[in-house]
Amino acid sequence: MVHLAALQVPFCRADPPRGAEVNVAGTVNLFEAARRHGLSTSIAYASSAAVYDGAGVTFTPANIYGVYKIANEARPASTGRRARWPASACGP
């Protein structure tokens, strides 16, 4: 399964609670639904350059969108371990 749904930077900046609802809670809901329904495949989801500092080396969010993406970096890996399927972030 491939997960690409998200509100982009301008929308997250304009309405941070809505950005968190869609980008973080939405991702949690997707991964939990997959686990509850016994998904037996891997999940790939989009990361973003917004999670890195200017040099692209450390997790230092460039904006609120980057904060949400960092939150999503840990959650799918945790759910995937419990469900015994791989979850991978795809990004720069």
PDB file of N, CA and C in Angstrom:
ATOM      1  N   MET A   1       0.854  -1.157   0.000  1.00  0.00           N
ATOM      2  CA  MET A   1       0.000   0.000   0.000  1.00  0.00           C
ATOM      3  C   MET A   1       0.908   1.229   0.000  1.00  0.00           C
ATOM      4  N   VAL A   2       0.479   2.272  -0.711  1.00  0.00           N
ATOM      5  CA  VAL A   2       1.215   3.531  -0.747  1.00  0.00           C
ATOM      6  C   VAL A   2       0.331   4.625  -0.158  1.00  0.00           C
ATOM      7  N   HIS A   3       0.863   5.363   0.799  1.00  0.00           N
ATOM      8  CA  HIS A   3       0.128   6.447   1.482  1.00  0.00           C
ATOM      9  C   HIS A   3       0.770   7.773   1.119  1.00  0.00           C
ATOM     10  N   LEU A   4       0.031   8.609   0.381  1.00  0.00           N
ATOM     11  CA  LEU A   4       0.553   9.907  -0.038  1.00  0.00           C
ATOM     12  C   LEU A   4      -0.328  11.072   0.399  1.00  0.00           C
ATOM     13  N   ALA A   5      -1.398  10.800   1.107  1.00  0.00           N
ATOM     14  CA  ALA A   5      -2.336  11.861   1.484  1.00  0.00           C
ATOM     15  C   ALA A   5      -1.721  12.802   2.513  1.00  0.00           C
ATOM     16  N   ALA A   6      -1.918  14.101   2.306  1.00  0.00           N
ATOM     17  CA  ALA A   6      -1.421  15.101   3.262  1.00  0.00           C
ATOM     18  C   ALA A   6      -1.905  16.489   2.863  1.00  0.00           C
ATOM     19  N   LEU A   7      -2.003  17.338   3.861  1.00  0.00           N
ATOM     20  CA  LEU A   7      -2.179  18.765   3.589  1.00  0.00           C
ATOM     21  C   LEU A   7      -0.783  19.346   3.449  1.00  0.00           C
ATOM     22  N   GLN A   8      -0.563  20.152   2.439  1.00  0.00           N
ATOM     23  CA  GLN A   8       0.752  20.711   2.163  1.00  0.00           C
ATOM     24  C   GLN A   8       1.044  21.940   3.032  1.00  0.00           C
ATOM     25  N   VAL A   9       2.264  22.447   2.925  1.00  0.00           N
ATOM     26  CA  VAL A   9       2.781  23.515   3.782  1.00  0.00           C
ATOM     27  C   VAL A   9       1.835  24.708   3.933  1.00  0.00           C
ATOM     28  N   PRO A  10       1.343  25.315   2.853  1.00  0.00           N
ATOM     29  CA  PRO A  10       0.513  26.519   3.048  1.00  0.00           C
ATOM     30  C   PRO A  10      -0.746  26.260   3.876  1.00  0.00           C
ATOM     31  N   PHE A  11      -1.342  25.092   3.692  1.00  0.00           N
ATOM     32  CA  PHE A  11      -2.556  24.760   4.431  1.00  0.00           C
ATOM     33  C   PHE A  11      -2.248  24.474   5.904  1.00  0.00           C
ATOM     34  N   CYS A  12      -1.129  23.807   6.167  1.00  0.00           N
ATOM     35  CA  CYS A  12      -0.714  23.543   7.552  1.00  0.00           C
ATOM     36  C   CYS A  12      -0.364  24.838   8.273  1.00  0.00           C
ATOM     37  N   ARG A  13       0.266  25.748   7.570  1.00  0.00           N
ATOM     38  CA  ARG A  13       0.634  27.031   8.158  1.00  0.00           C
ATOM     39  C   ARG A  13      -0.624  27.850   8.474  1.00  0.00           C
ATOM     40  N   ALA A  14      -1.607  27.811   7.588  1.00  0.00           N
ATOM     41  CA  ALA A  14      -2.834  28.588   7.771  1.00  0.00           C
ATOM     42  C   ALA A  14      -3.724  28.021   8.867  1.00  0.00           C
ATOM     43  N   ASP A  15      -3.695  26.696   9.058  1.00  0.00           N
ATOM     44  CA  ASP A  15      -4.575  26.050  10.023  1.00  0.00           C
ATOM     45  C   ASP A  15      -3.847  24.863  10.662  1.00  0.00           C
ATOM     46  N   PRO A  16      -2.922  25.131  11.611  1.00  0.00           N
ATOM     47  CA  PRO A  16      -2.132  24.055  12.212  1.00  0.00           C
ATOM     48  C   PRO A  16      -2.949  22.911  12.831  1.00  0.00           C
ATOM     49  N   PRO A  17      -4.058  23.170  13.546  1.00  0.00           N
ATOM     50  CA  PRO A  17      -4.815  22.037  14.077  1.00  0.00           C
ATOM     51  C   PRO A  17      -5.369  21.119  12.980  1.00  0.00           C
ATOM     52  N   ARG A  18      -5.840  21.706  11.896  1.00  0.00           N
ATOM     53  CA  ARG A  18      -6.347  20.903  10.783  1.00  0.00           C
ATOM     54  C   ARG A  18      -5.199  20.131  10.134  1.00  0.00           C
ATOM     55  N   GLY A  19      -4.045  20.766  10.014  1.00  0.00           N
ATOM     56  CA  GLY A  19      -2.880  20.078   9.467  1.00  0.00           C
ATOM     57  C   GLY A  19      -2.506  18.863  10.300  1.00  0.00           C
ATOM     58  N   ALA A  20      -2.528  19.015  11.621  1.00  0.00           N
ATOM     59  CA  ALA A  20      -2.225  17.878  12.508  1.00  0.00           C
ATOM     60  C   ALA A  20      -3.287  16.791  12.384  1.00  0.00           C
ATOM     61  N   GLU A  21      -4.534  17.201  12.286  1.00  0.00           N
ATOM     62  CA  GLU A  21      -5.625  16.227  12.158  1.00  0.00           C
ATOM     63  C   GLU A  21      -5.457  15.381  10.897  1.00  0.00           C
ATOM     64  N   VAL A  22      -5.193  16.031   9.785  1.00  0.00           N
ATOM     65  CA  VAL A  22      -5.069  15.307   8.519  1.00  0.00           C
ATOM     66  C   VAL A  22      -3.736  14.555   8.438  1.00  0.00           C
ATOM     67  N   ASN A  23      -2.638  15.261   8.698  1.00  0.00           N
ATOM     68  CA  ASN A  23      -1.324  14.673   8.456  1.00  0.00           C
ATOM     69  C   ASN A  23      -0.867  13.692   9.515  1.00  0.00           C
ATOM     70  N   VAL A  24      -1.178  13.940  10.771  1.00  0.00           N
ATOM     71  CA  VAL A  24      -0.733  13.030  11.830  1.00  0.00           C
ATOM     72  C   VAL A  24      -1.837  12.045  12.203  1.00  0.00           C
ATOM     73  N   ALA A  25      -2.983  12.549  12.619  1.00  0.00           N
ATOM     74  CA  ALA A  25      -4.065  11.638  13.016  1.00  0.00           C
ATOM     75  C   ALA A  25      -4.530  10.790  11.833  1.00  0.00           C
ATOM     76  N   GLY A  26      -4.561  11.374  10.646  1.00  0.00           N
ATOM     77  CA  GLY A  26      -4.959  10.602   9.464  1.00  0.00           C
ATOM     78  C   GLY A  26      -4.013   9.450   9.193  1.00  0.00           C
ATOM     79  N   THR A  27      -2.716   9.689   9.351  1.00  0.00           N
ATOM     80  CA  THR A  27      -1.734   8.622   9.152  1.00  0.00           C
ATOM     81  C   THR A  27      -1.863   7.555  10.230  1.00  0.00           C
ATOM     82  N   VAL A  28      -2.047   7.965  11.464  1.00  0.00           N
ATOM     83  CA  VAL A  28      -2.252   7.000  12.556  1.00  0.00           C
ATOM     84  C   VAL A  28      -3.483   6.146  12.257  1.00  0.00           C
ATOM     85  N   ASN A  29      -4.566   6.776  11.852  1.00  0.00           N
ATOM     86  CA  ASN A  29      -5.800   6.028  11.548  1.00  0.00           C
ATOM     87  C   ASN A  29      -5.590   5.026  10.418  1.00  0.00           C
ATOM     88  N   LEU A  30      -4.875   5.431   9.379  1.00  0.00           N
ATOM     89  CA  LEU A  30      -4.618   4.525   8.258  1.00  0.00           C
ATOM     90  C   LEU A  30      -3.819   3.305   8.702  1.00  0.00           C
ATOM     91  N   PHE A  31      -2.741   3.533   9.438  1.00  0.00           N
ATOM     92  CA  PHE A  31      -1.895   2.414   9.863  1.00  0.00           C
ATOM     93  C   PHE A  31      -2.607   1.515  10.868  1.00  0.00           C
ATOM     94  N   GLU A  32      -3.375   2.096  11.758  1.00  0.00           N
ATOM     95  CA  GLU A  32      -4.126   1.272  12.718  1.00  0.00           C
ATOM     96  C   GLU A  32      -5.213   0.465  12.017  1.00  0.00           C
ATOM     97  N   ALA A  33      -5.879   1.041  11.036  1.00  0.00           N
ATOM     98  CA  ALA A  33      -6.895   0.296  10.276  1.00  0.00           C
ATOM     99  C   ALA A  33      -6.249  -0.865   9.534  1.00  0.00           C
ATOM    100  N   ALA A  34      -5.093  -0.637   8.944  1.00  0.00           N
ATOM    101  CA  ALA A  34      -4.384  -1.708   8.246  1.00  0.00           C
ATOM    102  C   ALA A  34      -4.023  -2.832   9.217  1.00  0.00           C
ATOM    103  N   ARG A  35      -3.557  -2.446  10.404  1.00  0.00           N
ATOM    104  CA  ARG A  35      -3.203  -3.465  11.412  1.00  0.00           C
ATOM    105  C   ARG A  35      -4.432  -4.243  11.870  1.00  0.00           C
ATOM    106  N   ARG A  36      -5.521  -3.525  12.181  1.00  0.00           N
ATOM    107  CA  ARG A  36      -6.742  -4.193  12.651  1.00  0.00           C
ATOM    108  C   ARG A  36      -7.326  -5.159  11.621  1.00  0.00           C
ATOM    109  N   HIS A  37      -7.163  -4.815  10.354  1.00  0.00           N
ATOM    110  CA  HIS A  37      -7.730  -5.654   9.292  1.00  0.00           C
ATOM    111  C   HIS A  37      -6.756  -6.700   8.774  1.00  0.00           C
ATOM    112  N   GLY A  38      -5.633  -6.838   9.454  1.00  0.00           N
ATOM    113  CA  GLY A  38      -4.692  -7.904   9.130  1.00  0.00           C
ATOM    114  C   GLY A  38      -3.942  -7.714   7.822  1.00  0.00           C
ATOM    115  N   LEU A  39      -3.673  -6.478   7.439  1.00  0.00           N
ATOM    116  CA  LEU A  39      -2.912  -6.226   6.228  1.00  0.00           C
ATOM    117  C   LEU A  39      -1.620  -7.022   6.267  1.00  0.00           C
ATOM    118  N   SER A  40      -1.317  -7.712   5.205  1.00  0.00           N
ATOM    119  CA  SER A  40      -0.124  -8.555   5.207  1.00  0.00           C
ATOM    120  C   SER A  40       0.879  -8.116   4.145  1.00  0.00           C
ATOM    121  N   THR A  41       0.915  -6.845   3.863  1.00  0.00           N
ATOM    122  CA  THR A  41       1.858  -6.312   2.894  1.00  0.00           C
ATOM    123  C   THR A  41       2.605  -5.137   3.515  1.00  0.00           C
ATOM    124  N   SER A  42       3.525  -4.607   2.799  1.00  0.00           N
ATOM    125  CA  SER A  42       4.261  -3.451   3.315  1.00  0.00           C
ATOM    126  C   SER A  42       3.522  -2.160   2.971  1.00  0.00           C
ATOM    127  N   ILE A  43       3.876  -1.107   3.685  1.00  0.00           N
ATOM    128  CA  ILE A  43       3.308   0.211   3.441  1.00  0.00           C
ATOM    129  C   ILE A  43       4.452   1.183   3.197  1.00  0.00           C
ATOM    130  N   ALA A  44       4.328   1.944   2.128  1.00  0.00           N
ATOM    131  CA  ALA A  44       5.273   3.026   1.848  1.00  0.00           C
ATOM    132  C   ALA A  44       4.518   4.339   2.009  1.00  0.00           C
ATOM    133  N   TYR A  45       5.151   5.298   2.645  1.00  0.00           N
ATOM    134  CA  TYR A  45       4.497   6.590   2.851  1.00  0.00           C
ATOM    135  C   TYR A  45       5.494   7.695   2.570  1.00  0.00           C
ATOM    136  N   ALA A  46       4.978   8.856   2.191  1.00  0.00           N
ATOM    137  CA  ALA A  46       5.829   9.968   1.782  1.00  0.00           C
ATOM    138  C   ALA A  46       6.388  10.724   2.982  1.00  0.00           C
ATOM    139  N   SER A  47       7.675  10.962   2.941  1.00  0.00           N
ATOM    140  CA  SER A  47       8.300  11.865   3.885  1.00  0.00           C
ATOM    141  C   SER A  47       8.498  13.187   3.157  1.00  0.00           C
ATOM    142  N   SER A  48       9.405  14.017   3.636  1.00  0.00           N
ATOM    143  CA  SER A  48       9.591  15.335   3.032  1.00  0.00           C
ATOM    144  C   SER A  48      10.942  15.906   3.416  1.00  0.00           C
ATOM    145  N   ALA A  49      11.476  16.751   2.552  1.00  0.00           N
ATOM    146  CA  ALA A  49      12.699  17.471   2.897  1.00  0.00           C
ATOM    147  C   ALA A  49      12.459  18.418   4.064  1.00  0.00           C
ATOM    148  N   ALA A  50      11.195  18.716   4.358  1.00  0.00           N
ATOM    149  CA  ALA A  50      10.850  19.622   5.464  1.00  0.00           C
ATOM    150  C   ALA A  50      11.222  19.054   6.831  1.00  0.00           C
ATOM    151  N   VAL A  51      11.588  17.777   6.909  1.00  0.00           N
ATOM    152  CA  VAL A  51      11.977  17.202   8.201  1.00  0.00           C
ATOM    153  C   VAL A  51      13.430  17.481   8.545  1.00  0.00           C
ATOM    154  N   TYR A  52      14.211  17.928   7.566  1.00  0.00           N
ATOM    155  CA  TYR A  52      15.648  18.110   7.776  1.00  0.00           C
ATOM    156  C   TYR A  52      16.047  19.561   7.968  1.00  0.00           C
ATOM    157  N   ASP A  53      17.227  19.735   8.556  1.00  0.00           N
ATOM    158  CA  ASP A  53      17.810  21.067   8.643  1.00  0.00           C
ATOM    159  C   ASP A  53      18.259  21.498   7.245  1.00  0.00           C
ATOM    160  N   GLY A  54      18.805  22.664   7.130  1.00  0.00           N
ATOM    161  CA  GLY A  54      19.232  23.179   5.833  1.00  0.00           C
ATOM    162  C   GLY A  54      20.226  22.296   5.117  1.00  0.00           C
ATOM    163  N   ALA A  55      21.046  21.560   5.853  1.00  0.00           N
ATOM    164  CA  ALA A  55      22.044  20.688   5.250  1.00  0.00           C
ATOM    165  C   ALA A  55      21.486  19.316   4.905  1.00  0.00           C
ATOM    166  N   GLY A  56      20.253  19.027   5.328  1.00  0.00           N
ATOM    167  CA  GLY A  56      19.657  17.725   5.045  1.00  0.00           C
ATOM    168  C   GLY A  56      20.259  16.594   5.846  1.00  0.00           C
ATOM    169  N   VAL A  57      20.753  16.900   7.053  1.00  0.00           N
ATOM    170  CA  VAL A  57      21.460  15.898   7.844  1.00  0.00           C
ATOM    171  C   VAL A  57      20.669  15.451   9.066  1.00  0.00           C
ATOM    172  N   THR A  58      20.120  16.379   9.832  1.00  0.00           N
ATOM    173  CA  THR A  58      19.440  16.021  11.078  1.00  0.00           C
ATOM    174  C   THR A  58      17.965  16.388  11.021  1.00  0.00           C
ATOM    175  N   PHE A  59      17.177  15.686  11.830  1.00  0.00           N
ATOM    176  CA  PHE A  59      15.759  16.015  11.942  1.00  0.00           C
ATOM    177  C   PHE A  59      15.617  17.352  12.659  1.00  0.00           C
ATOM    178  N   THR A  60      15.439  18.396  11.923  1.00  0.00           N
ATOM    179  CA  THR A  60      15.189  19.740  12.430  1.00  0.00           C
ATOM    180  C   THR A  60      14.139  20.335  11.497  1.00  0.00           C
ATOM    181  N   PRO A  61      12.870  20.280  11.874  1.00  0.00           N
ATOM    182  CA  PRO A  61      11.817  20.670  10.936  1.00  0.00           C
ATOM    183  C   PRO A  61      11.944  22.106  10.450  1.00  0.00           C
ATOM    184  N   ALA A  62      11.731  22.268   9.166  1.00  0.00           N
ATOM    185  CA  ALA A  62      11.814  23.580   8.535  1.00  0.00           C
ATOM    186  C   ALA A  62      10.555  24.402   8.784  1.00  0.00           C
ATOM    187  N   ASN A  63       9.444  23.743   9.127  1.00  0.00           N
ATOM    188  CA  ASN A  63       8.153  24.405   9.318  1.00  0.00           C
ATOM    189  C   ASN A  63       7.199  23.432  10.007  1.00  0.00           C
ATOM    190  N   ILE A  64       5.960  23.848  10.221  1.00  0.00           N
ATOM    191  CA  ILE A  64       4.977  23.005  10.920  1.00  0.00           C
ATOM    192  C   ILE A  64       4.702  21.709  10.156  1.00  0.00           C
ATOM    193  N   TYR A  65       4.733  21.779   8.848  1.00  0.00           N
ATOM    194  CA  TYR A  65       4.564  20.584   8.019  1.00  0.00           C
ATOM    195  C   TYR A  65       5.669  19.568   8.339  1.00  0.00           C
ATOM    196  N   GLY A  66       6.909  20.056   8.502  1.00  0.00           N
ATOM    197  CA  GLY A  66       8.019  19.177   8.863  1.00  0.00           C
ATOM    198  C   GLY A  66       7.831  18.533  10.227  1.00  0.00           C
ATOM    199  N   VAL A  67       7.243  19.265  11.166  1.00  0.00           N
ATOM    200  CA  VAL A  67       6.948  18.706  12.492  1.00  0.00           C
ATOM    201  C   VAL A  67       5.997  17.520  12.350  1.00  0.00           C
ATOM    202  N   TYR A  68       4.958  17.692  11.535  1.00  0.00           N
ATOM    203  CA  TYR A  68       3.989  16.602  11.333  1.00  0.00           C
ATOM    204  C   TYR A  68       4.644  15.408  10.654  1.00  0.00           C
ATOM    205  N   LYS A  69       5.506  15.667   9.694  1.00  0.00           N
ATOM    206  CA  LYS A  69       6.182  14.570   8.998  1.00  0.00           C
ATOM    207  C   LYS A  69       7.114  13.811   9.944  1.00  0.00           C
ATOM    208  N   ILE A  70       7.805  14.519  10.843  1.00  0.00           N
ATOM    209  CA  ILE A  70       8.651  13.840  11.829  1.00  0.00           C
ATOM    210  C   ILE A  70       7.803  12.948  12.730  1.00  0.00           C
ATOM    211  N   ALA A  71       6.643  13.450  13.143  1.00  0.00           N
ATOM    212  CA  ALA A  71       5.738  12.625  13.965  1.00  0.00           C
ATOM    213  C   ALA A  71       5.384  11.340  13.227  1.00  0.00           C
ATOM    214  N   ASN A  72       5.224  11.435  11.929  1.00  0.00           N
ATOM    215  CA  ASN A  72       4.853  10.259  11.142  1.00  0.00           C
ATOM    216  C   ASN A  72       6.017   9.322  10.879  1.00  0.00           C
ATOM    217  N   GLU A  73       7.232   9.796  11.041  1.00  0.00           N
ATOM    218  CA  GLU A  73       8.393   8.921  10.816  1.00  0.00           C
ATOM    219  C   GLU A  73       8.427   7.785  11.846  1.00  0.00           C
ATOM    220  N   ALA A  74       8.057   8.053  13.081  1.00  0.00           N
ATOM    221  CA  ALA A  74       8.138   7.049  14.145  1.00  0.00           C
ATOM    222  C   ALA A  74       6.888   6.174  14.208  1.00  0.00           C
ATOM    223  N   ARG A  75       5.734   6.737  14.022  1.00  0.00           N
ATOM    224  CA  ARG A  75       4.485   5.995  14.210  1.00  0.00           C
ATOM    225  C   ARG A  75       4.333   4.786  13.288  1.00  0.00           C
ATOM    226  N   PRO A  76       4.513   4.905  11.981  1.00  0.00           N
ATOM    227  CA  PRO A  76       4.349   3.723  11.132  1.00  0.00           C
ATOM    228  C   PRO A  76       5.336   2.623  11.458  1.00  0.00           C
ATOM    229  N   ALA A  77       6.549   2.981  11.804  1.00  0.00           N
ATOM    230  CA  ALA A  77       7.530   1.953  12.161  1.00  0.00           C
ATOM    231  C   ALA A  77       7.065   1.181  13.381  1.00  0.00           C
ATOM    232  N   SER A  78       6.495   1.871  14.363  1.00  0.00           N
ATOM    233  CA  SER A  78       5.996   1.221  15.570  1.00  0.00           C
ATOM    234  C   SER A  78       4.826   0.300  15.245  1.00  0.00           C
ATOM    235  N   THR A  79       3.857   0.792  14.504  1.00  0.00           N
ATOM    236  CA  THR A  79       2.700  -0.026  14.129  1.00  0.00           C
ATOM    237  C   THR A  79       3.138  -1.215  13.293  1.00  0.00           C
ATOM    238  N   GLY A  80       4.054  -0.975  12.363  1.00  0.00           N
ATOM    239  CA  GLY A  80       4.546  -2.053  11.516  1.00  0.00           C
ATOM    240  C   GLY A  80       5.205  -3.162  12.305  1.00  0.00           C
ATOM    241  N   ARG A  81       5.973  -2.808  13.332  1.00  0.00           N
ATOM    242  CA  ARG A  81       6.609  -3.840  14.175  1.00  0.00           C
ATOM    243  C   ARG A  81       5.557  -4.671  14.889  1.00  0.00           C
ATOM    244  N   ARG A  82       4.517  -4.005  15.423  1.00  0.00           N
ATOM    245  CA  ARG A  82       3.468  -4.753  16.130  1.00  0.00           C
ATOM    246  C   ARG A  82       2.695  -5.650  15.178  1.00  0.00           C
ATOM    247  N   ALA A  83       2.459  -5.193  13.957  1.00  0.00           N
ATOM    248  CA  ALA A  83       1.672  -5.962  12.992  1.00  0.00           C
ATOM    249  C   ALA A  83       2.540  -6.929  12.185  1.00  0.00           C
ATOM    250  N   ARG A  84       3.860  -6.809  12.343  1.00  0.00           N
ATOM    251  CA  ARG A  84       4.819  -7.660  11.639  1.00  0.00           C
ATOM    252  C   ARG A  84       4.819  -7.456  10.128  1.00  0.00           C
ATOM    253  N   TRP A  85       4.682  -6.213   9.704  1.00  0.00           N
ATOM    254  CA  TRP A  85       4.883  -5.868   8.302  1.00  0.00           C
ATOM    255  C   TRP A  85       5.731  -4.616   8.217  1.00  0.00           C
ATOM    256  N   PRO A  86       6.491  -4.508   7.141  1.00  0.00           N
ATOM    257  CA  PRO A  86       7.391  -3.351   7.019  1.00  0.00           C
ATOM    258  C   PRO A  86       6.639  -2.077   6.624  1.00  0.00           C
ATOM    259  N   ALA A  87       7.074  -0.975   7.181  1.00  0.00           N
ATOM    260  CA  ALA A  87       6.576   0.351   6.810  1.00  0.00           C
ATOM    261  C   ALA A  87       7.800   1.210   6.539  1.00  0.00           C
ATOM    262  N   SER A  88       7.816   1.860   5.409  1.00  0.00           N
ATOM    263  CA  SER A  88       8.996   2.624   5.003  1.00  0.00           C
ATOM    264  C   SER A  88       8.634   4.040   4.585  1.00  0.00           C
ATOM    265  N   ALA A  89       9.421   4.996   5.060  1.00  0.00           N
ATOM    266  CA  ALA A  89       9.268   6.375   4.615  1.00  0.00           C
ATOM    267  C   ALA A  89      10.054   6.551   3.325  1.00  0.00           C
ATOM    268  N   CYS A  90       9.436   7.170   2.346  1.00  0.00           N
ATOM    269  CA  CYS A  90      10.099   7.461   1.077  1.00  0.00           C
ATOM    270  C   CYS A  90      10.275   8.953   0.966  1.00  0.00           C
ATOM    271  N   GLY A  91      11.469   9.398   0.781  1.00  0.00           N
ATOM    272  CA  GLY A  91      11.691  10.827   0.700  1.00  0.00           C
ATOM    273  C   GLY A  91      13.079  11.159   0.203  1.00  0.00           C
ATOM    274  N   PRO A  92      13.400  12.420   0.253  1.00  0.00           N
ATOM    275  CA  PRO A  92      14.700  12.861  -0.262  1.00  0.00           C
ATOM    276  C   PRO A  92      15.862  12.362   0.583  1.00  0.00           C
TER     277      PRO A  92
END
